Full PDB file with SEQRES, HELIX, SHEET, SSBOND, CRYST1, ORIGX, SCALE, CONECT and MASTER records, all heavy atoms in Angstrom:
SEQRES   1 A   40  ARG GLU PRO SER LEU GLY PRO CYS PHE GLY ILE LYS GLY          
SEQRES   2 A   40  GLY ALA ALA GLY GLY GLY TYR ALA GLN VAL VAL PRO MET          
SEQRES   3 A   40  GLU ASP ILE ASN LEU HIS PHE THR GLY ASP ILE HIS ALA          
SEQRES   4 A   40  ILE                                                          
HELIX    1 AA1 LEU A    5  CYS A    8  1                                   4    
HELIX    2 AA2 MET A   26  ASN A   30  1                                   5    
HELIX    3 AA3 ASP A   36  ALA A   39  1                                   4    
CRYST1    1.000    1.000    1.000  90.00  90.00  90.00 P 1           1          
ORIGX1      1.000000  0.000000  0.000000        0.00000                         
ORIGX2      0.000000  1.000000  0.000000        0.00000                         
ORIGX3      0.000000  0.000000  1.000000        0.00000                         
SCALE1      1.000000  0.000000  0.000000        0.00000                         
SCALE2      0.000000  1.000000  0.000000        0.00000                         
SCALE3      0.000000  0.000000  1.000000        0.00000                         
ATOM      1  N   ARG A   1      -6.031   8.237  -2.049  1.00  0.00           N  
ATOM      2  CA  ARG A   1      -4.592   7.995  -2.133  1.00  0.00           C  
ATOM      3  C   ARG A   1      -4.029   7.564  -0.781  1.00  0.00           C  
ATOM      4  O   ARG A   1      -4.565   7.908   0.265  1.00  0.00           O  
ATOM      5  CB  ARG A   1      -3.883   9.266  -2.607  1.00  0.00           C  
ATOM      6  CG  ARG A   1      -4.283   9.686  -3.996  1.00  0.00           C  
ATOM      7  CD  ARG A   1      -3.765  11.060  -4.353  1.00  0.00           C  
ATOM      8  NE  ARG A   1      -4.378  12.089  -3.528  1.00  0.00           N  
ATOM      9  CZ  ARG A   1      -3.925  13.320  -3.415  1.00  0.00           C  
ATOM     10  NH1 ARG A   1      -2.844  13.688  -4.065  1.00  0.00           N  
ATOM     11  NH2 ARG A   1      -4.543  14.195  -2.673  1.00  0.00           N  
ATOM     12  N   GLU A   2      -2.908   6.827  -0.834  1.00  0.00           N  
ATOM     13  CA  GLU A   2      -2.263   6.493   0.435  1.00  0.00           C  
ATOM     14  C   GLU A   2      -1.117   7.474   0.695  1.00  0.00           C  
ATOM     15  O   GLU A   2      -0.447   7.926  -0.231  1.00  0.00           O  
ATOM     16  CB  GLU A   2      -1.787   5.045   0.480  1.00  0.00           C  
ATOM     17  CG  GLU A   2      -0.836   4.579  -0.583  1.00  0.00           C  
ATOM     18  CD  GLU A   2      -0.578   3.072  -0.492  1.00  0.00           C  
ATOM     19  OE1 GLU A   2       0.100   2.645   0.461  1.00  0.00           O  
ATOM     20  OE2 GLU A   2      -1.041   2.338  -1.376  1.00  0.00           O  
ATOM     21  N   PRO A   3      -0.911   7.833   1.957  1.00  0.00           N  
ATOM     22  CA  PRO A   3       0.073   8.867   2.289  1.00  0.00           C  
ATOM     23  C   PRO A   3       1.516   8.421   2.070  1.00  0.00           C  
ATOM     24  O   PRO A   3       1.839   7.246   2.169  1.00  0.00           O  
ATOM     25  CB  PRO A   3      -0.178   9.128   3.782  1.00  0.00           C  
ATOM     26  CG  PRO A   3      -1.522   8.551   4.075  1.00  0.00           C  
ATOM     27  CD  PRO A   3      -1.696   7.407   3.126  1.00  0.00           C  
ATOM     28  N   SER A   4       2.346   9.413   1.778  1.00  0.00           N  
ATOM     29  CA  SER A   4       3.795   9.225   1.678  1.00  0.00           C  
ATOM     30  C   SER A   4       4.437   9.702   2.982  1.00  0.00           C  
ATOM     31  O   SER A   4       3.974  10.656   3.611  1.00  0.00           O  
ATOM     32  CB  SER A   4       4.316  10.051   0.501  1.00  0.00           C  
ATOM     33  OG  SER A   4       5.686  10.319   0.638  1.00  0.00           O  
ATOM     34  N   LEU A   5       5.511   9.032   3.388  1.00  0.00           N  
ATOM     35  CA  LEU A   5       6.159   9.395   4.657  1.00  0.00           C  
ATOM     36  C   LEU A   5       6.781  10.792   4.616  1.00  0.00           C  
ATOM     37  O   LEU A   5       6.901  11.444   5.644  1.00  0.00           O  
ATOM     38  CB  LEU A   5       7.242   8.373   5.011  1.00  0.00           C  
ATOM     39  CG  LEU A   5       6.747   6.987   5.446  1.00  0.00           C  
ATOM     40  CD1 LEU A   5       7.938   6.080   5.745  1.00  0.00           C  
ATOM     41  CD2 LEU A   5       5.843   7.082   6.659  1.00  0.00           C  
ATOM     42  N   GLY A   6       7.178  11.270   3.411  1.00  0.00           N  
ATOM     43  CA  GLY A   6       7.784  12.607   3.316  1.00  0.00           C  
ATOM     44  C   GLY A   6       6.863  13.688   3.852  1.00  0.00           C  
ATOM     45  O   GLY A   6       7.182  14.390   4.822  1.00  0.00           O  
ATOM     46  N   PRO A   7       5.667  13.857   3.252  1.00  0.00           N  
ATOM     47  CA  PRO A   7       4.722  14.849   3.772  1.00  0.00           C  
ATOM     48  C   PRO A   7       4.258  14.554   5.204  1.00  0.00           C  
ATOM     49  O   PRO A   7       4.027  15.474   5.988  1.00  0.00           O  
ATOM     50  CB  PRO A   7       3.544  14.760   2.797  1.00  0.00           C  
ATOM     51  CG  PRO A   7       4.141  14.236   1.533  1.00  0.00           C  
ATOM     52  CD  PRO A   7       5.223  13.301   1.966  1.00  0.00           C  
ATOM     53  N   CYS A   8       4.129  13.252   5.549  1.00  0.00           N  
ATOM     54  CA  CYS A   8       3.665  12.902   6.906  1.00  0.00           C  
ATOM     55  C   CYS A   8       4.602  13.452   7.974  1.00  0.00           C  
ATOM     56  O   CYS A   8       4.159  13.890   9.034  1.00  0.00           O  
ATOM     57  CB  CYS A   8       3.546  11.393   7.071  1.00  0.00           C  
ATOM     58  SG  CYS A   8       2.039  10.707   6.356  1.00  0.00           S  
ATOM     59  N   PHE A   9       5.903  13.398   7.698  1.00  0.00           N  
ATOM     60  CA  PHE A   9       6.875  13.906   8.664  1.00  0.00           C  
ATOM     61  C   PHE A   9       7.264  15.353   8.386  1.00  0.00           C  
ATOM     62  O   PHE A   9       8.135  15.911   9.039  1.00  0.00           O  
ATOM     63  CB  PHE A   9       8.123  13.009   8.679  1.00  0.00           C  
ATOM     64  CG  PHE A   9       7.890  11.685   9.335  1.00  0.00           C  
ATOM     65  CD1 PHE A   9       7.900  10.515   8.606  1.00  0.00           C  
ATOM     66  CD2 PHE A   9       7.642  11.614  10.704  1.00  0.00           C  
ATOM     67  CE1 PHE A   9       7.662   9.290   9.211  1.00  0.00           C  
ATOM     68  CE2 PHE A   9       7.411  10.401  11.316  1.00  0.00           C  
ATOM     69  CZ  PHE A   9       7.419   9.226  10.577  1.00  0.00           C  
ATOM     70  N   GLY A  10       6.611  15.960   7.385  1.00  0.00           N  
ATOM     71  CA  GLY A  10       6.872  17.360   7.055  1.00  0.00           C  
ATOM     72  C   GLY A  10       5.751  18.243   7.557  1.00  0.00           C  
ATOM     73  O   GLY A  10       4.950  17.862   8.415  1.00  0.00           O  
ATOM     74  N   ILE A  11       5.654  19.435   6.965  1.00  0.00           N  
ATOM     75  CA  ILE A  11       4.675  20.422   7.438  1.00  0.00           C  
ATOM     76  C   ILE A  11       3.238  19.983   7.151  1.00  0.00           C  
ATOM     77  O   ILE A  11       2.303  20.337   7.873  1.00  0.00           O  
ATOM     78  CB  ILE A  11       4.971  21.808   6.807  1.00  0.00           C  
ATOM     79  CG1 ILE A  11       4.210  22.903   7.567  1.00  0.00           C  
ATOM     80  CG2 ILE A  11       4.637  21.820   5.335  1.00  0.00           C  
ATOM     81  CD1 ILE A  11       4.638  24.292   7.192  1.00  0.00           C  
ATOM     82  N   LYS A  12       3.044  19.144   6.110  1.00  0.00           N  
ATOM     83  CA  LYS A  12       1.690  18.766   5.724  1.00  0.00           C  
ATOM     84  C   LYS A  12       1.056  17.789   6.706  1.00  0.00           C  
ATOM     85  O   LYS A  12      -0.148  17.806   6.931  1.00  0.00           O  
ATOM     86  CB  LYS A  12       1.718  18.164   4.313  1.00  0.00           C  
ATOM     87  CG  LYS A  12       0.330  18.011   3.717  1.00  0.00           C  
ATOM     88  CD  LYS A  12       0.380  17.570   2.281  1.00  0.00           C  
ATOM     89  CE  LYS A  12      -1.028  17.463   1.705  1.00  0.00           C  
ATOM     90  NZ  LYS A  12      -1.060  16.831   0.397  1.00  0.00           N  
ATOM     91  N   GLY A  13       1.843  16.883   7.255  1.00  0.00           N  
ATOM     92  CA  GLY A  13       1.285  15.890   8.168  1.00  0.00           C  
ATOM     93  C   GLY A  13       0.599  14.761   7.431  1.00  0.00           C  
ATOM     94  O   GLY A  13       0.820  14.547   6.246  1.00  0.00           O  
ATOM     95  N   GLY A  14      -0.233  14.023   8.156  1.00  0.00           N  
ATOM     96  CA  GLY A  14      -0.872  12.823   7.615  1.00  0.00           C  
ATOM     97  C   GLY A  14      -1.931  13.123   6.577  1.00  0.00           C  
ATOM     98  O   GLY A  14      -2.293  14.268   6.343  1.00  0.00           O  
ATOM     99  N   ALA A  15      -2.449  12.053   5.963  1.00  0.00           N  
ATOM    100  CA  ALA A  15      -3.416  12.220   4.874  1.00  0.00           C  
ATOM    101  C   ALA A  15      -4.551  11.218   5.004  1.00  0.00           C  
ATOM    102  O   ALA A  15      -4.947  10.584   4.042  1.00  0.00           O  
ATOM    103  CB  ALA A  15      -2.711  12.065   3.532  1.00  0.00           C  
ATOM    104  N   ALA A  16      -5.053  11.070   6.237  1.00  0.00           N  
ATOM    105  CA  ALA A  16      -6.155  10.134   6.470  1.00  0.00           C  
ATOM    106  C   ALA A  16      -7.410  10.882   6.925  1.00  0.00           C  
ATOM    107  O   ALA A  16      -8.265  10.332   7.591  1.00  0.00           O  
ATOM    108  CB  ALA A  16      -5.747   9.086   7.503  1.00  0.00           C  
ATOM    109  N   GLY A  17      -7.515  12.155   6.537  1.00  0.00           N  
ATOM    110  CA  GLY A  17      -8.655  12.961   6.961  1.00  0.00           C  
ATOM    111  C   GLY A  17      -8.378  13.643   8.290  1.00  0.00           C  
ATOM    112  O   GLY A  17      -7.241  13.691   8.748  1.00  0.00           O  
ATOM    113  N   GLY A  18      -9.439  14.175   8.907  1.00  0.00           N  
ATOM    114  CA  GLY A  18      -9.248  14.883  10.173  1.00  0.00           C  
ATOM    115  C   GLY A  18     -10.535  14.970  10.972  1.00  0.00           C  
ATOM    116  O   GLY A  18     -11.635  14.787  10.442  1.00  0.00           O  
ATOM    117  N   GLY A  19     -10.390  15.252  12.257  1.00  0.00           N  
ATOM    118  CA  GLY A  19     -11.552  15.383  13.125  1.00  0.00           C  
ATOM    119  C   GLY A  19     -12.368  14.111  13.141  1.00  0.00           C  
ATOM    120  O   GLY A  19     -11.835  13.012  13.316  1.00  0.00           O  
ATOM    121  N   TYR A  20     -13.684  14.256  12.899  1.00  0.00           N  
ATOM    122  CA  TYR A  20     -14.579  13.103  12.896  1.00  0.00           C  
ATOM    123  C   TYR A  20     -14.852  12.586  11.480  1.00  0.00           C  
ATOM    124  O   TYR A  20     -15.809  11.863  11.257  1.00  0.00           O  
ATOM    125  CB  TYR A  20     -15.875  13.449  13.634  1.00  0.00           C  
ATOM    126  CG  TYR A  20     -15.636  13.565  15.127  1.00  0.00           C  
ATOM    127  CD1 TYR A  20     -15.386  14.803  15.718  1.00  0.00           C  
ATOM    128  CD2 TYR A  20     -15.592  12.428  15.926  1.00  0.00           C  
ATOM    129  CE1 TYR A  20     -15.113  14.899  17.076  1.00  0.00           C  
ATOM    130  CE2 TYR A  20     -15.331  12.521  17.286  1.00  0.00           C  
ATOM    131  CZ  TYR A  20     -15.088  13.749  17.853  1.00  0.00           C  
ATOM    132  OH  TYR A  20     -14.814  13.844  19.201  1.00  0.00           O  
ATOM    133  N   ALA A  21     -13.996  12.981  10.555  1.00  0.00           N  
ATOM    134  CA  ALA A  21     -14.044  12.443   9.185  1.00  0.00           C  
ATOM    135  C   ALA A  21     -12.663  11.879   8.867  1.00  0.00           C  
ATOM    136  O   ALA A  21     -11.868  12.466   8.145  1.00  0.00           O  
ATOM    137  CB  ALA A  21     -14.436  13.529   8.188  1.00  0.00           C  
ATOM    138  N   GLN A  22     -12.372  10.739   9.473  1.00  0.00           N  
ATOM    139  CA  GLN A  22     -11.060  10.120   9.341  1.00  0.00           C  
ATOM    140  C   GLN A  22     -11.180   8.675   8.898  1.00  0.00           C  
ATOM    141  O   GLN A  22     -12.195   8.014   9.094  1.00  0.00           O  
ATOM    142  CB  GLN A  22     -10.317  10.131  10.681  1.00  0.00           C  
ATOM    143  CG  GLN A  22      -9.824  11.476  11.137  1.00  0.00           C  
ATOM    144  CD  GLN A  22      -8.825  11.350  12.281  1.00  0.00           C  
ATOM    145  OE1 GLN A  22      -7.751  10.772  12.099  1.00  0.00           O  
ATOM    146  NE2 GLN A  22      -9.163  11.891  13.444  1.00  0.00           N  
ATOM    147  N   VAL A  23     -10.064   8.194   8.304  1.00  0.00           N  
ATOM    148  CA  VAL A  23      -9.935   6.787   7.957  1.00  0.00           C  
ATOM    149  C   VAL A  23      -9.006   6.144   8.979  1.00  0.00           C  
ATOM    150  O   VAL A  23      -7.990   6.730   9.372  1.00  0.00           O  
ATOM    151  CB  VAL A  23      -9.367   6.632   6.528  1.00  0.00           C  
ATOM    152  CG1 VAL A  23      -9.219   5.163   6.157  1.00  0.00           C  
ATOM    153  CG2 VAL A  23     -10.275   7.322   5.522  1.00  0.00           C  
ATOM    154  N   VAL A  24      -9.382   4.951   9.432  1.00  0.00           N  
ATOM    155  CA  VAL A  24      -8.601   4.255  10.455  1.00  0.00           C  
ATOM    156  C   VAL A  24      -8.305   2.826  10.001  1.00  0.00           C  
ATOM    157  O   VAL A  24      -9.025   2.293   9.151  1.00  0.00           O  
ATOM    158  CB  VAL A  24      -9.372   4.243  11.807  1.00  0.00           C  
ATOM    159  CG1 VAL A  24      -9.344   5.612  12.455  1.00  0.00           C  
ATOM    160  CG2 VAL A  24     -10.823   3.774  11.635  1.00  0.00           C  
ATOM    161  N   PRO A  25      -7.215   2.203  10.525  1.00  0.00           N  
ATOM    162  CA  PRO A  25      -6.296   2.680  11.553  1.00  0.00           C  
ATOM    163  C   PRO A  25      -5.360   3.776  11.032  1.00  0.00           C  
ATOM    164  O   PRO A  25      -4.525   3.516  10.157  1.00  0.00           O  
ATOM    165  CB  PRO A  25      -5.510   1.433  11.946  1.00  0.00           C  
ATOM    166  CG  PRO A  25      -5.590   0.530  10.749  1.00  0.00           C  
ATOM    167  CD  PRO A  25      -6.909   0.813  10.104  1.00  0.00           C  
ATOM    168  N   MET A  26      -5.528   4.971  11.567  1.00  0.00           N  
ATOM    169  CA  MET A  26      -4.860   6.166  11.056  1.00  0.00           C  
ATOM    170  C   MET A  26      -3.339   6.045  11.079  1.00  0.00           C  
ATOM    171  O   MET A  26      -2.661   6.380  10.104  1.00  0.00           O  
ATOM    172  CB  MET A  26      -5.314   7.398  11.839  1.00  0.00           C  
ATOM    173  CG  MET A  26      -4.713   8.709  11.366  1.00  0.00           C  
ATOM    174  SD  MET A  26      -3.182   9.138  12.204  1.00  0.00           S  
ATOM    175  CE  MET A  26      -3.805   9.734  13.760  1.00  0.00           C  
ATOM    176  N   GLU A  27      -2.773   5.564  12.187  1.00  0.00           N  
ATOM    177  CA  GLU A  27      -1.302   5.491  12.274  1.00  0.00           C  
ATOM    178  C   GLU A  27      -0.751   4.526  11.229  1.00  0.00           C  
ATOM    179  O   GLU A  27       0.259   4.796  10.588  1.00  0.00           O  
ATOM    180  CB  GLU A  27      -0.847   5.021  13.668  1.00  0.00           C  
ATOM    181  CG  GLU A  27      -1.235   5.954  14.790  1.00  0.00           C  
ATOM    182  CD  GLU A  27      -2.474   5.454  15.526  1.00  0.00           C  
ATOM    183  OE1 GLU A  27      -3.424   4.996  14.839  1.00  0.00           O  
ATOM    184  OE2 GLU A  27      -2.501   5.526  16.747  1.00  0.00           O  
ATOM    185  N   ASP A  28      -1.422   3.389  11.036  1.00  0.00           N  
ATOM    186  CA  ASP A  28      -0.948   2.414  10.049  1.00  0.00           C  
ATOM    187  C   ASP A  28      -0.977   3.003   8.641  1.00  0.00           C  
ATOM    188  O   ASP A  28      -0.023   2.869   7.874  1.00  0.00           O  
ATOM    189  CB  ASP A  28      -1.839   1.159  10.069  1.00  0.00           C  
ATOM    190  CG  ASP A  28      -1.710   0.373  11.361  1.00  0.00           C  
ATOM    191  OD1 ASP A  28      -1.139   0.911  12.322  1.00  0.00           O  
ATOM    192  OD2 ASP A  28      -2.191  -0.766  11.406  1.00  0.00           O  
ATOM    193  N   ILE A  29      -2.102   3.654   8.299  1.00  0.00           N  
ATOM    194  CA  ILE A  29      -2.259   4.225   6.956  1.00  0.00           C  
ATOM    195  C   ILE A  29      -1.182   5.272   6.697  1.00  0.00           C  
ATOM    196  O   ILE A  29      -0.598   5.332   5.610  1.00  0.00           O  
ATOM    197  CB  ILE A  29      -3.670   4.836   6.798  1.00  0.00           C  
ATOM    198  CG1 ILE A  29      -4.723   3.726   6.854  1.00  0.00           C  
ATOM    199  CG2 ILE A  29      -3.793   5.600   5.479  1.00  0.00           C  
ATOM    200  CD1 ILE A  29      -6.131   4.234   7.102  1.00  0.00           C  
ATOM    201  N   ASN A  30      -0.881   6.098   7.694  1.00  0.00           N  
ATOM    202  CA  ASN A  30       0.099   7.175   7.535  1.00  0.00           C  
ATOM    203  C   ASN A  30       1.548   6.686   7.601  1.00  0.00           C  
ATOM    204  O   ASN A  30       2.455   7.408   7.207  1.00  0.00           O  
ATOM    205  CB  ASN A  30      -0.110   8.248   8.594  1.00  0.00           C  
ATOM    206  CG  ASN A  30      -1.209   9.229   8.217  1.00  0.00           C  
ATOM    207  OD1 ASN A  30      -1.308   9.635   7.061  1.00  0.00           O  
ATOM    208  ND2 ASN A  30      -2.040   9.599   9.155  1.00  0.00           N  
ATOM    209  N   LEU A  31       1.766   5.477   8.103  1.00  0.00           N  
ATOM    210  CA  LEU A  31       3.142   4.981   8.215  1.00  0.00           C  
ATOM    211  C   LEU A  31       3.401   3.894   7.167  1.00  0.00           C  
ATOM    212  O   LEU A  31       3.355   4.162   5.988  1.00  0.00           O  
ATOM    213  CB  LEU A  31       3.409   4.510   9.644  1.00  0.00           C  
ATOM    214  CG  LEU A  31       3.353   5.653  10.684  1.00  0.00           C  
ATOM    215  CD1 LEU A  31       3.460   5.114  12.102  1.00  0.00           C  
ATOM    216  CD2 LEU A  31       4.454   6.679  10.424  1.00  0.00           C  
ATOM    217  N   HIS A  32       3.635   2.651   7.568  1.00  0.00           N  
ATOM    218  CA  HIS A  32       4.054   1.636   6.587  1.00  0.00           C  
ATOM    219  C   HIS A  32       2.883   0.953   5.897  1.00  0.00           C  
ATOM    220  O   HIS A  32       3.058   0.325   4.856  1.00  0.00           O  
ATOM    221  CB  HIS A  32       4.939   0.593   7.267  1.00  0.00           C  
ATOM    222  CG  HIS A  32       6.099   1.183   7.981  1.00  0.00           C  
ATOM    223  ND1 HIS A  32       7.197   1.681   7.325  1.00  0.00           N  
ATOM    224  CD2 HIS A  32       6.334   1.402   9.305  1.00  0.00           C  
ATOM    225  CE1 HIS A  32       8.062   2.160   8.195  1.00  0.00           C  
ATOM    226  NE2 HIS A  32       7.561   2.013   9.401  1.00  0.00           N  
ATOM    227  N   PHE A  33       1.691   1.038   6.490  1.00  0.00           N  
ATOM    228  CA  PHE A  33       0.457   0.478   5.935  1.00  0.00           C  
ATOM    229  C   PHE A  33       0.667  -0.985   5.538  1.00  0.00           C  
ATOM    230  O   PHE A  33       1.069  -1.791   6.366  1.00  0.00           O  
ATOM    231  CB  PHE A  33      -0.023   1.351   4.781  1.00  0.00           C  
ATOM    232  CG  PHE A  33      -1.498   1.201   4.447  1.00  0.00           C  
ATOM    233  CD1 PHE A  33      -2.401   0.711   5.375  1.00  0.00           C  
ATOM    234  CD2 PHE A  33      -1.985   1.564   3.198  1.00  0.00           C  
ATOM    235  CE1 PHE A  33      -3.745   0.577   5.076  1.00  0.00           C  
ATOM    236  CE2 PHE A  33      -3.333   1.442   2.888  1.00  0.00           C  
ATOM    237  CZ  PHE A  33      -4.212   0.942   3.825  1.00  0.00           C  
ATOM    238  N   THR A  34       0.432  -1.344   4.276  1.00  0.00           N  
ATOM    239  CA  THR A  34       0.620  -2.735   3.849  1.00  0.00           C  
ATOM    240  C   THR A  34       1.904  -2.906   3.033  1.00  0.00           C  
ATOM    241  O   THR A  34       2.098  -3.929   2.378  1.00  0.00           O  
ATOM    242  CB  THR A  34      -0.588  -3.217   3.019  1.00  0.00           C  
ATOM    243  OG1 THR A  34      -0.755  -2.327   1.914  1.00  0.00           O  
ATOM    244  CG2 THR A  34      -1.859  -3.243   3.851  1.00  0.00           C  
ATOM    245  N   GLY A  35       2.770  -1.898   3.066  1.00  0.00           N  
ATOM    246  CA  GLY A  35       4.081  -2.025   2.424  1.00  0.00           C  
ATOM    247  C   GLY A  35       4.133  -1.666   0.953  1.00  0.00           C  
ATOM    248  O   GLY A  35       5.164  -1.868   0.301  1.00  0.00           O  
ATOM    249  N   ASP A  36       3.033  -1.106   0.404  1.00  0.00           N  
ATOM    250  CA  ASP A  36       3.010  -0.785  -1.034  1.00  0.00           C  
ATOM    251  C   ASP A  36       4.149   0.151  -1.428  1.00  0.00           C  
ATOM    252  O   ASP A  36       4.837  -0.071  -2.432  1.00  0.00           O  
ATOM    253  CB  ASP A  36       1.683  -0.117  -1.418  1.00  0.00           C  
ATOM    254  CG  ASP A  36       0.491  -1.030  -1.243  1.00  0.00           C  
ATOM    255  OD1 ASP A  36       0.698  -2.251  -1.113  1.00  0.00           O  
ATOM    256  OD2 ASP A  36      -0.645  -0.522  -1.243  1.00  0.00           O  
ATOM    257  N   ILE A  37       4.310   1.216  -0.659  1.00  0.00           N  
ATOM    258  CA  ILE A  37       5.310   2.229  -1.045  1.00  0.00           C  
ATOM    259  C   ILE A  37       6.724   1.669  -0.904  1.00  0.00           C  
ATOM    260  O   ILE A  37       7.615   1.990  -1.692  1.00  0.00           O  
ATOM    261  CB  ILE A  37       5.095   3.533  -0.257  1.00  0.00           C  
ATOM    262  CG1 ILE A  37       3.748   4.151  -0.667  1.00  0.00           C  
ATOM    263  CG2 ILE A  37       6.225   4.533  -0.497  1.00  0.00           C  
ATOM    264  CD1 ILE A  37       3.393   5.460   0.009  1.00  0.00           C  
ATOM    265  N   HIS A  38       6.937   0.789   0.071  1.00  0.00           N  
ATOM    266  CA  HIS A  38       8.251   0.146   0.196  1.00  0.00           C  
ATOM    267  C   HIS A  38       8.528  -0.762  -0.999  1.00  0.00           C  
ATOM    268  O   HIS A  38       9.660  -0.845  -1.485  1.00  0.00           O  
ATOM    269  CB  HIS A  38       8.319  -0.654   1.503  1.00  0.00           C  
ATOM    270  CG  HIS A  38       8.204   0.188   2.725  1.00  0.00           C  
ATOM    271  ND1 HIS A  38       8.910   1.364   2.899  1.00  0.00           N  
ATOM    272  CD2 HIS A  38       7.446   0.054   3.841  1.00  0.00           C  
ATOM    273  CE1 HIS A  38       8.599   1.908   4.062  1.00  0.00           C  
ATOM    274  NE2 HIS A  38       7.703   1.136   4.655  1.00  0.00           N  
ATOM    275  N   ALA A  39       7.488  -1.453  -1.495  1.00  0.00           N  
ATOM    276  CA  ALA A  39       7.659  -2.312  -2.674  1.00  0.00           C  
ATOM    277  C   ALA A  39       8.013  -1.471  -3.901  1.00  0.00           C  
ATOM    278  O   ALA A  39       8.852  -1.864  -4.721  1.00  0.00           O  
ATOM    279  CB  ALA A  39       6.388  -3.112  -2.925  1.00  0.00           C  
ATOM    280  N   ILE A  40       7.366  -0.314  -4.024  1.00  0.00           N  
ATOM    281  CA  ILE A  40       7.661   0.589  -5.142  1.00  0.00           C  
ATOM    282  C   ILE A  40       9.087   1.114  -5.029  1.00  0.00           C  
ATOM    283  O   ILE A  40       9.814   1.215  -6.030  1.00  0.00           O  
ATOM    284  CB  ILE A  40       6.626   1.737  -5.175  1.00  0.00           C  
ATOM    285  CG1 ILE A  40       5.262   1.181  -5.615  1.00  0.00           C  
ATOM    286  CG2 ILE A  40       7.069   2.873  -6.106  1.00  0.00           C  
ATOM    287  CD1 ILE A  40       4.101   2.101  -5.346  1.00  0.00           C  
TER     288      ILE A  40                                                      
MASTER        0    0    0    3    0    0    0    6  287    1    0    4          
END                                                                             
């Protein structure tokens, strides 16, 4: 799944994995990414 900005800026934080098991570019994925959520 792609992250939503609500949880990213809340207590849950990002959703691109953690430590050495992460998806990158992490900041892009957790923020505007390719604009899917804005289109929705």
